[in-house]
């Protein structure tokens, strides 16, 4: 996945944010935290990078002014049309797996990754 996105200057999480906005439309940032199952700080960094590239813009939600609504910019829509379709990855990996089971897998893998990172940082 990363190899396919590298020429476009994108990472996997950035692709997923663009995918959500391109296929579903404008989305509250807090809803993306839940959908992508990432930490709020991680998503803020990803959105910040996409905004700096002028691919995504943050606007205040019309109903709840405390919330940020994310949407693709014209440049983001243009780039999305050029990106490879990588949506098959989720179906290939999790097809037939319930959302509850997939959430458990994600949680376990996140915890394992965090522990490995902490251990490697502690040994350095």
N, C-alpha and C. Protein backbone atom coordinates (compact mmCIF):
# COMPACT_ATOMS: atom_id res chain seq x y z
N UNK A 1 0.83 -1.19 0.00
CA UNK A 1 0.00 0.00 0.00
C UNK A 1 0.87 1.26 0.00
N UNK A 2 1.84 1.28 0.90
CA UNK A 2 2.70 2.45 1.00
C UNK A 2 3.44 2.72 -0.31
N UNK A 3 3.87 1.64 -0.99
CA UNK A 3 4.58 1.82 -2.26
C UNK A 3 3.69 2.49 -3.31
N UNK A 4 2.42 2.14 -3.31
CA UNK A 4 1.49 2.72 -4.28
C UNK A 4 1.19 4.18 -3.98
N UNK A 5 1.32 4.56 -2.71
CA UNK A 5 0.98 5.93 -2.31
C UNK A 5 2.19 6.86 -2.28
N UNK A 6 3.37 6.29 -2.15
CA UNK A 6 4.60 7.09 -2.03
C UNK A 6 4.76 8.12 -3.15
N UNK A 7 4.51 7.76 -4.42
CA UNK A 7 4.66 8.76 -5.48
C UNK A 7 3.74 9.98 -5.32
N UNK A 8 2.66 9.79 -4.55
CA UNK A 8 1.70 10.87 -4.34
C UNK A 8 1.95 11.60 -3.02
N UNK A 9 2.98 11.18 -2.29
CA UNK A 9 3.32 11.83 -1.02
C UNK A 9 2.32 11.57 0.08
N UNK A 10 1.70 10.40 0.06
CA UNK A 10 0.68 10.06 1.05
C UNK A 10 1.06 8.81 1.83
N UNK A 11 0.56 8.75 3.07
CA UNK A 11 0.66 7.54 3.87
C UNK A 11 -0.69 6.84 3.89
N UNK A 12 -0.71 5.66 4.48
CA UNK A 12 -1.93 4.85 4.49
C UNK A 12 -3.09 5.54 5.21
N UNK A 13 -2.83 6.14 6.36
CA UNK A 13 -3.91 6.80 7.10
C UNK A 13 -4.42 8.00 6.33
N UNK A 14 -3.52 8.71 5.67
CA UNK A 14 -3.95 9.84 4.84
C UNK A 14 -4.87 9.34 3.73
N UNK A 15 -4.53 8.20 3.12
CA UNK A 15 -5.37 7.64 2.07
C UNK A 15 -6.76 7.31 2.62
N UNK A 16 -6.81 6.72 3.80
CA UNK A 16 -8.10 6.36 4.39
C UNK A 16 -8.96 7.59 4.66
N UNK A 17 -8.33 8.69 5.10
CA UNK A 17 -9.09 9.93 5.32
C UNK A 17 -9.64 10.42 3.99
N UNK A 18 -8.80 10.46 2.96
CA UNK A 18 -9.26 10.88 1.64
C UNK A 18 -10.36 9.96 1.12
N UNK A 19 -10.20 8.66 1.32
CA UNK A 19 -11.21 7.68 0.90
C UNK A 19 -12.55 7.99 1.56
N UNK A 20 -12.55 8.22 2.84
CA UNK A 20 -13.78 8.52 3.57
C UNK A 20 -14.44 9.78 3.00
N UNK A 21 -13.66 10.82 2.82
CA UNK A 21 -14.22 12.09 2.36
C UNK A 21 -14.68 12.01 0.91
N UNK A 22 -13.98 11.22 0.10
CA UNK A 22 -14.35 11.10 -1.31
C UNK A 22 -15.57 10.21 -1.50
N UNK A 23 -15.71 9.18 -0.68
CA UNK A 23 -16.81 8.23 -0.88
C UNK A 23 -18.04 8.53 -0.04
N UNK A 24 -17.83 9.09 1.14
CA UNK A 24 -18.96 9.38 2.03
C UNK A 24 -19.32 10.87 1.99
N UNK A 25 -18.32 11.71 1.83
CA UNK A 25 -18.54 13.15 1.83
C UNK A 25 -18.00 13.77 3.10
N UNK A 26 -18.29 15.06 3.30
CA UNK A 26 -17.80 15.74 4.50
C UNK A 26 -18.12 14.94 5.76
N UNK A 27 -17.14 14.87 6.64
CA UNK A 27 -17.25 14.03 7.84
C UNK A 27 -16.68 14.78 9.04
N UNK A 28 -17.35 14.65 10.18
CA UNK A 28 -16.82 15.26 11.40
C UNK A 28 -15.52 14.57 11.77
N UNK A 29 -14.57 15.37 12.22
CA UNK A 29 -13.26 14.82 12.57
C UNK A 29 -13.39 13.78 13.68
N UNK A 30 -14.24 14.03 14.65
CA UNK A 30 -14.39 13.08 15.76
C UNK A 30 -14.95 11.74 15.27
N UNK A 31 -15.79 11.78 14.24
CA UNK A 31 -16.33 10.54 13.68
C UNK A 31 -15.24 9.73 12.98
N UNK A 32 -14.28 10.43 12.40
CA UNK A 32 -13.17 9.73 11.74
C UNK A 32 -12.28 9.03 12.75
N UNK A 33 -12.14 9.61 13.94
CA UNK A 33 -11.36 8.96 15.00
C UNK A 33 -11.95 7.59 15.28
N UNK A 34 -13.27 7.52 15.39
CA UNK A 34 -13.94 6.25 15.65
C UNK A 34 -13.85 5.32 14.45
N UNK A 35 -14.11 5.85 13.27
CA UNK A 35 -14.13 5.03 12.06
C UNK A 35 -12.77 4.42 11.76
N UNK A 36 -11.72 5.22 11.88
CA UNK A 36 -10.37 4.74 11.57
C UNK A 36 -9.70 4.08 12.77
N UNK A 37 -10.31 4.21 13.94
CA UNK A 37 -9.79 3.63 15.17
C UNK A 37 -8.35 4.05 15.43
N UNK A 38 -8.16 5.38 15.40
CA UNK A 38 -6.85 5.95 15.71
C UNK A 38 -7.02 6.94 16.86
N UNK A 39 -5.92 7.29 17.47
CA UNK A 39 -5.96 8.28 18.55
C UNK A 39 -6.30 9.64 17.96
N UNK A 40 -6.92 10.47 18.77
CA UNK A 40 -7.28 11.81 18.33
C UNK A 40 -6.06 12.61 17.87
N UNK A 41 -4.96 12.49 18.62
CA UNK A 41 -3.74 13.21 18.27
C UNK A 41 -3.17 12.73 16.93
N UNK A 42 -3.25 11.43 16.69
CA UNK A 42 -2.78 10.87 15.42
C UNK A 42 -3.59 11.44 14.26
N UNK A 43 -4.90 11.44 14.41
CA UNK A 43 -5.74 11.95 13.34
C UNK A 43 -5.51 13.45 13.14
N UNK A 44 -5.32 14.18 14.23
CA UNK A 44 -5.05 15.62 14.10
C UNK A 44 -3.79 15.86 13.28
N UNK A 45 -2.76 15.05 13.50
CA UNK A 45 -1.52 15.19 12.73
C UNK A 45 -1.75 14.85 11.26
N UNK A 46 -2.51 13.80 11.00
CA UNK A 46 -2.80 13.38 9.63
C UNK A 46 -3.61 14.46 8.92
N UNK A 47 -4.63 14.97 9.57
CA UNK A 47 -5.46 16.02 8.98
C UNK A 47 -4.64 17.29 8.78
N UNK A 48 -3.77 17.60 9.73
CA UNK A 48 -2.90 18.77 9.59
C UNK A 48 -2.01 18.65 8.37
N UNK A 49 -1.47 17.46 8.14
CA UNK A 49 -0.62 17.24 6.96
C UNK A 49 -1.42 17.37 5.68
N UNK A 50 -2.63 16.80 5.67
CA UNK A 50 -3.48 16.90 4.47
C UNK A 50 -3.92 18.35 4.22
N UNK A 51 -4.18 19.08 5.29
CA UNK A 51 -4.56 20.49 5.16
C UNK A 51 -3.38 21.32 4.64
N UNK A 52 -2.17 21.00 5.13
CA UNK A 52 -0.98 21.71 4.66
C UNK A 52 -0.74 21.46 3.17
N UNK A 53 -1.12 20.29 2.71
CA UNK A 53 -1.01 19.96 1.28
C UNK A 53 -2.19 20.51 0.48
N UNK A 54 -3.13 21.13 1.19
CA UNK A 54 -4.34 21.72 0.60
C UNK A 54 -5.23 20.69 -0.08
N UNK A 55 -5.26 19.50 0.52
CA UNK A 55 -6.11 18.42 0.01
C UNK A 55 -7.41 18.32 0.78
N UNK A 56 -7.38 18.79 2.03
CA UNK A 56 -8.52 18.72 2.94
C UNK A 56 -8.66 20.07 3.63
N UNK A 57 -9.89 20.45 3.89
CA UNK A 57 -10.10 21.65 4.69
C UNK A 57 -10.99 21.35 5.87
N UNK A 58 -10.75 22.08 6.95
CA UNK A 58 -11.54 21.95 8.16
C UNK A 58 -12.45 23.17 8.25
N UNK A 59 -13.73 22.92 8.44
CA UNK A 59 -14.69 24.00 8.62
C UNK A 59 -15.51 23.70 9.86
N UNK A 60 -16.08 24.74 10.45
CA UNK A 60 -16.93 24.51 11.60
C UNK A 60 -18.22 23.84 11.16
N UNK A 61 -18.66 22.88 11.96
CA UNK A 61 -19.93 22.22 11.71
C UNK A 61 -21.05 23.24 11.91
N UNK A 62 -22.01 23.29 11.00
CA UNK A 62 -23.08 24.27 11.06
C UNK A 62 -23.97 24.07 12.29
N UNK A 63 -24.09 22.84 12.76
CA UNK A 63 -24.97 22.54 13.90
C UNK A 63 -24.23 22.69 15.22
N UNK A 64 -23.03 22.12 15.30
CA UNK A 64 -22.23 22.16 16.53
C UNK A 64 -20.92 22.88 16.21
N UNK A 65 -20.85 24.15 16.55
CA UNK A 65 -19.70 24.98 16.19
C UNK A 65 -18.40 24.52 16.84
N UNK A 66 -18.50 23.65 17.85
CA UNK A 66 -17.28 23.13 18.50
C UNK A 66 -16.63 22.04 17.67
N UNK A 67 -17.37 21.46 16.75
CA UNK A 67 -16.88 20.34 15.95
C UNK A 67 -16.30 20.82 14.63
N UNK A 68 -15.29 20.08 14.15
CA UNK A 68 -14.68 20.38 12.86
C UNK A 68 -15.21 19.39 11.83
N UNK A 69 -15.63 19.92 10.73
CA UNK A 69 -16.10 19.12 9.61
C UNK A 69 -14.98 19.11 8.57
N UNK A 70 -14.63 17.94 8.11
CA UNK A 70 -13.58 17.81 7.11
C UNK A 70 -14.21 17.58 5.75
N UNK A 71 -13.60 18.20 4.73
CA UNK A 71 -14.07 17.96 3.37
C UNK A 71 -12.89 18.12 2.42
N UNK A 72 -13.03 17.46 1.28
CA UNK A 72 -11.99 17.55 0.27
C UNK A 72 -12.00 18.93 -0.37
N UNK A 73 -10.84 19.42 -0.70
CA UNK A 73 -10.71 20.64 -1.49
C UNK A 73 -10.76 20.23 -2.97
N UNK A 74 -10.86 21.16 -3.88
CA UNK A 74 -10.76 20.80 -5.30
C UNK A 74 -9.45 20.06 -5.61
N UNK A 75 -8.35 20.48 -4.99
CA UNK A 75 -7.07 19.77 -5.20
C UNK A 75 -7.15 18.35 -4.66
N UNK A 76 -7.84 18.15 -3.52
CA UNK A 76 -8.03 16.82 -2.96
C UNK A 76 -8.87 15.94 -3.86
N UNK A 77 -9.91 16.51 -4.43
CA UNK A 77 -10.76 15.75 -5.37
C UNK A 77 -9.97 15.36 -6.61
N UNK A 78 -9.15 16.29 -7.09
CA UNK A 78 -8.32 16.03 -8.26
C UNK A 78 -7.33 14.89 -7.98
N UNK A 79 -6.66 14.97 -6.82
CA UNK A 79 -5.70 13.91 -6.47
C UNK A 79 -6.42 12.58 -6.28
N UNK A 80 -7.57 12.59 -5.64
CA UNK A 80 -8.30 11.35 -5.40
C UNK A 80 -8.57 10.62 -6.72
N UNK A 81 -8.88 11.37 -7.76
CA UNK A 81 -9.14 10.77 -9.06
C UNK A 81 -7.92 10.10 -9.67
N UNK A 82 -6.74 10.44 -9.18
CA UNK A 82 -5.49 9.87 -9.70
C UNK A 82 -4.94 8.73 -8.85
N UNK A 83 -5.46 8.58 -7.65
CA UNK A 83 -4.93 7.57 -6.72
C UNK A 83 -5.40 6.17 -7.08
N UNK A 84 -4.56 5.16 -6.80
CA UNK A 84 -5.01 3.78 -7.03
C UNK A 84 -6.12 3.41 -6.06
N UNK A 85 -7.02 2.54 -6.50
CA UNK A 85 -8.10 2.08 -5.64
C UNK A 85 -7.57 0.96 -4.75
N UNK A 86 -7.42 1.28 -3.49
CA UNK A 86 -6.88 0.32 -2.53
C UNK A 86 -7.96 -0.19 -1.57
N UNK A 87 -9.22 0.11 -1.87
CA UNK A 87 -10.30 -0.29 -0.96
C UNK A 87 -10.45 -1.80 -0.85
N UNK A 88 -9.93 -2.54 -1.82
CA UNK A 88 -10.04 -4.01 -1.78
C UNK A 88 -9.29 -4.59 -0.58
N UNK A 89 -8.31 -3.86 -0.04
CA UNK A 89 -7.49 -4.37 1.05
C UNK A 89 -8.34 -4.70 2.27
N UNK A 90 -9.24 -3.81 2.62
CA UNK A 90 -10.10 -4.05 3.79
C UNK A 90 -10.96 -5.29 3.59
N UNK A 91 -11.56 -5.42 2.42
CA UNK A 91 -12.40 -6.59 2.14
C UNK A 91 -11.58 -7.87 2.14
N UNK A 92 -10.39 -7.81 1.56
CA UNK A 92 -9.54 -8.99 1.52
C UNK A 92 -9.13 -9.43 2.92
N UNK A 93 -8.84 -8.48 3.77
CA UNK A 93 -8.38 -8.80 5.12
C UNK A 93 -9.53 -9.12 6.07
N UNK A 94 -10.63 -8.38 5.96
CA UNK A 94 -11.68 -8.49 6.97
C UNK A 94 -13.03 -8.93 6.42
N UNK A 95 -13.10 -9.33 5.16
CA UNK A 95 -14.36 -9.79 4.60
C UNK A 95 -14.93 -10.94 5.41
N UNK A 96 -16.19 -10.83 5.79
CA UNK A 96 -16.84 -11.88 6.57
C UNK A 96 -16.57 -11.81 8.06
N UNK A 97 -15.73 -10.88 8.49
CA UNK A 97 -15.44 -10.71 9.92
C UNK A 97 -16.36 -9.62 10.45
N UNK A 98 -17.00 -9.89 11.57
CA UNK A 98 -17.91 -8.90 12.14
C UNK A 98 -17.14 -7.65 12.56
N UNK A 99 -17.85 -6.53 12.62
CA UNK A 99 -17.20 -5.28 13.05
C UNK A 99 -16.66 -5.40 14.46
N UNK A 100 -17.38 -6.12 15.32
CA UNK A 100 -16.92 -6.29 16.70
C UNK A 100 -15.61 -7.07 16.74
N UNK A 101 -15.52 -8.14 15.96
CA UNK A 101 -14.28 -8.93 15.92
C UNK A 101 -13.14 -8.12 15.31
N UNK A 102 -13.43 -7.36 14.25
CA UNK A 102 -12.40 -6.53 13.63
C UNK A 102 -11.89 -5.48 14.61
N UNK A 103 -12.79 -4.91 15.40
CA UNK A 103 -12.40 -3.91 16.40
C UNK A 103 -11.47 -4.52 17.44
N UNK A 104 -11.74 -5.76 17.83
CA UNK A 104 -10.87 -6.45 18.79
C UNK A 104 -9.49 -6.66 18.18
N UNK A 105 -9.45 -7.09 16.93
CA UNK A 105 -8.16 -7.31 16.25
C UNK A 105 -7.37 -6.01 16.20
N UNK A 106 -8.03 -4.93 15.83
CA UNK A 106 -7.35 -3.63 15.74
C UNK A 106 -6.82 -3.22 17.10
N UNK A 107 -7.64 -3.38 18.14
CA UNK A 107 -7.20 -3.01 19.50
C UNK A 107 -6.00 -3.82 19.93
N UNK A 108 -6.02 -5.11 19.68
CA UNK A 108 -4.91 -5.99 20.07
C UNK A 108 -3.64 -5.59 19.31
N UNK A 109 -3.76 -5.36 18.01
CA UNK A 109 -2.59 -4.98 17.22
C UNK A 109 -2.05 -3.61 17.63
N UNK A 110 -2.93 -2.66 17.94
CA UNK A 110 -2.48 -1.36 18.40
C UNK A 110 -1.72 -1.48 19.72
N UNK A 111 -2.26 -2.26 20.63
CA UNK A 111 -1.61 -2.46 21.93
C UNK A 111 -0.25 -3.13 21.74
N UNK A 112 -0.21 -4.15 20.91
CA UNK A 112 1.06 -4.85 20.66
C UNK A 112 2.08 -3.90 20.04
N UNK A 113 1.65 -3.10 19.09
CA UNK A 113 2.55 -2.15 18.45
C UNK A 113 3.07 -1.13 19.45
N UNK A 114 2.18 -0.58 20.27
CA UNK A 114 2.59 0.39 21.29
C UNK A 114 3.61 -0.22 22.25
N UNK A 115 3.38 -1.45 22.66
CA UNK A 115 4.32 -2.12 23.58
C UNK A 115 5.68 -2.33 22.93
N UNK A 116 5.68 -2.72 21.66
CA UNK A 116 6.95 -2.92 20.96
C UNK A 116 7.70 -1.61 20.79
N UNK A 117 6.97 -0.55 20.48
CA UNK A 117 7.61 0.77 20.34
C UNK A 117 8.18 1.22 21.68
N UNK A 118 7.41 1.06 22.75
CA UNK A 118 7.89 1.44 24.07
C UNK A 118 9.13 0.65 24.45
N UNK A 119 9.11 -0.63 24.15
CA UNK A 119 10.27 -1.48 24.48
C UNK A 119 11.49 -1.05 23.68
N UNK A 120 11.30 -0.80 22.38
CA UNK A 120 12.46 -0.42 21.56
C UNK A 120 13.00 0.95 21.98
N UNK A 121 12.13 1.86 22.41
CA UNK A 121 12.58 3.18 22.86
C UNK A 121 13.30 3.06 24.20
N UNK A 122 12.87 2.13 25.02
CA UNK A 122 13.50 1.92 26.32
C UNK A 122 14.88 1.30 26.21
N UNK A 123 15.12 0.54 25.15
CA UNK A 123 16.40 -0.14 24.97
C UNK A 123 17.41 0.75 24.28
N UNK A 124 16.96 1.82 23.69
CA UNK A 124 17.89 2.68 22.93
C UNK A 124 18.57 3.67 23.82
